[in-house]
Amino acid sequence: KALGVPGGYAIGSIELNKFRIEQGFQWITIGVDLAMLTQKAKETLTAFGR
């Protein structure tokens, strides 16, 4: 917040998400978001032969 940039964190745990929100994080993923991001990253790496 001090830099004018929203802080973010990708976590699968509800408890840890609550803790990060209390710390002031503004961009928080939930388990489904994290799973979708992970799957898309794997697909992209495969498409580029990695």
C-alpha atoms as a PDB file:
ATOM      1  CA  LYS A   1       0.000   0.000   0.000  1.00  0.00           C
ATOM      2  CA  ALA A   2       2.832   2.382   0.802  1.00  0.00           C
ATOM      3  CA  LEU A   3       4.006   2.198  -2.816  1.00  0.00           C
ATOM      4  CA  GLY A   4       0.514   2.573  -4.265  1.00  0.00           C
ATOM      5  CA  VAL A   5       0.600  -0.959  -5.653  1.00  0.00           C
ATOM      6  CA  PRO A   6      -1.820  -3.655  -4.503  1.00  0.00           C
ATOM      7  CA  GLY A   7      -0.003  -6.522  -2.832  1.00  0.00           C
ATOM      8  CA  GLY A   8      -0.948 -10.030  -3.844  1.00  0.00           C
ATOM      9  CA  TYR A   9      -0.486 -13.605  -2.752  1.00  0.00           C
ATOM     10  CA  ALA A  10      -1.509 -16.953  -4.217  1.00  0.00           C
ATOM     11  CA  ILE A  11      -2.466 -19.406  -1.475  1.00  0.00           C
ATOM     12  CA  GLY A  12      -4.671 -22.466  -1.302  1.00  0.00           C
ATOM     13  CA  SER A  13      -5.427 -22.206   2.428  1.00  0.00           C
ATOM     14  CA  ILE A  14      -8.469 -20.272   3.650  1.00  0.00           C
ATOM     15  CA  GLU A  15      -6.837 -19.612   7.022  1.00  0.00           C
ATOM     16  CA  LEU A  16      -3.686 -18.219   5.430  1.00  0.00           C
ATOM     17  CA  ASN A  17      -5.795 -16.098   3.055  1.00  0.00           C
ATOM     18  CA  LYS A  18      -7.583 -14.552   6.046  1.00  0.00           C
ATOM     19  CA  PHE A  19      -4.225 -13.834   7.671  1.00  0.00           C
ATOM     20  CA  ARG A  20      -2.851 -12.177   4.519  1.00  0.00           C
ATOM     21  CA  ILE A  21      -5.999 -10.025   4.190  1.00  0.00           C
ATOM     22  CA  GLU A  22      -5.478  -8.878   7.796  1.00  0.00           C
ATOM     23  CA  GLN A  23      -1.918  -7.947   6.800  1.00  0.00           C
ATOM     24  CA  GLY A  24      -3.313  -5.685   4.067  1.00  0.00           C
ATOM     25  CA  PHE A  25      -2.927  -7.852   0.977  1.00  0.00           C
ATOM     26  CA  GLN A  26      -5.526  -6.890  -1.632  1.00  0.00           C
ATOM     27  CA  TRP A  27      -5.105  -9.519  -4.350  1.00  0.00           C
ATOM     28  CA  ILE A  28      -5.791 -12.952  -2.883  1.00  0.00           C
ATOM     29  CA  THR A  29      -6.465 -16.160  -4.779  1.00  0.00           C
ATOM     30  CA  ILE A  30      -8.487 -19.061  -3.516  1.00  0.00           C
ATOM     31  CA  GLY A  31      -7.808 -22.744  -4.112  1.00  0.00           C
ATOM     32  CA  VAL A  32      -9.733 -22.925  -7.388  1.00  0.00           C
ATOM     33  CA  ASP A  33      -7.929 -19.865  -8.764  1.00  0.00           C
ATOM     34  CA  LEU A  34      -4.575 -21.364  -7.862  1.00  0.00           C
ATOM     35  CA  ALA A  35      -5.468 -24.688  -9.486  1.00  0.00           C
ATOM     36  CA  MET A  36      -6.584 -22.948 -12.693  1.00  0.00           C
ATOM     37  CA  LEU A  37      -3.422 -20.812 -12.826  1.00  0.00           C
ATOM     38  CA  THR A  38      -1.262 -23.890 -12.271  1.00  0.00           C
ATOM     39  CA  GLN A  39      -3.044 -25.874 -14.987  1.00  0.00           C
ATOM     40  CA  LYS A  40      -2.755 -23.048 -17.516  1.00  0.00           C
ATOM     41  CA  ALA A  41       0.939 -22.625 -16.715  1.00  0.00           C
ATOM     42  CA  LYS A  42       1.498 -26.348 -17.346  1.00  0.00           C
ATOM     43  CA  GLU A  43      -0.402 -26.140 -20.660  1.00  0.00           C
ATOM     44  CA  THR A  44       1.635 -23.129 -21.752  1.00  0.00           C
ATOM     45  CA  LEU A  45       4.951 -24.770 -20.867  1.00  0.00           C
ATOM     46  CA  THR A  46       3.930 -27.928 -22.743  1.00  0.00           C
ATOM     47  CA  ALA A  47       2.944 -25.887 -25.800  1.00  0.00           C
ATOM     48  CA  PHE A  48       6.427 -24.349 -25.831  1.00  0.00           C
ATOM     49  CA  GLY A  49       8.153 -27.708 -25.384  1.00  0.00           C
ATOM     50  CA  ARG A  50       9.199 -27.257 -21.797  1.00  0.00           C
END
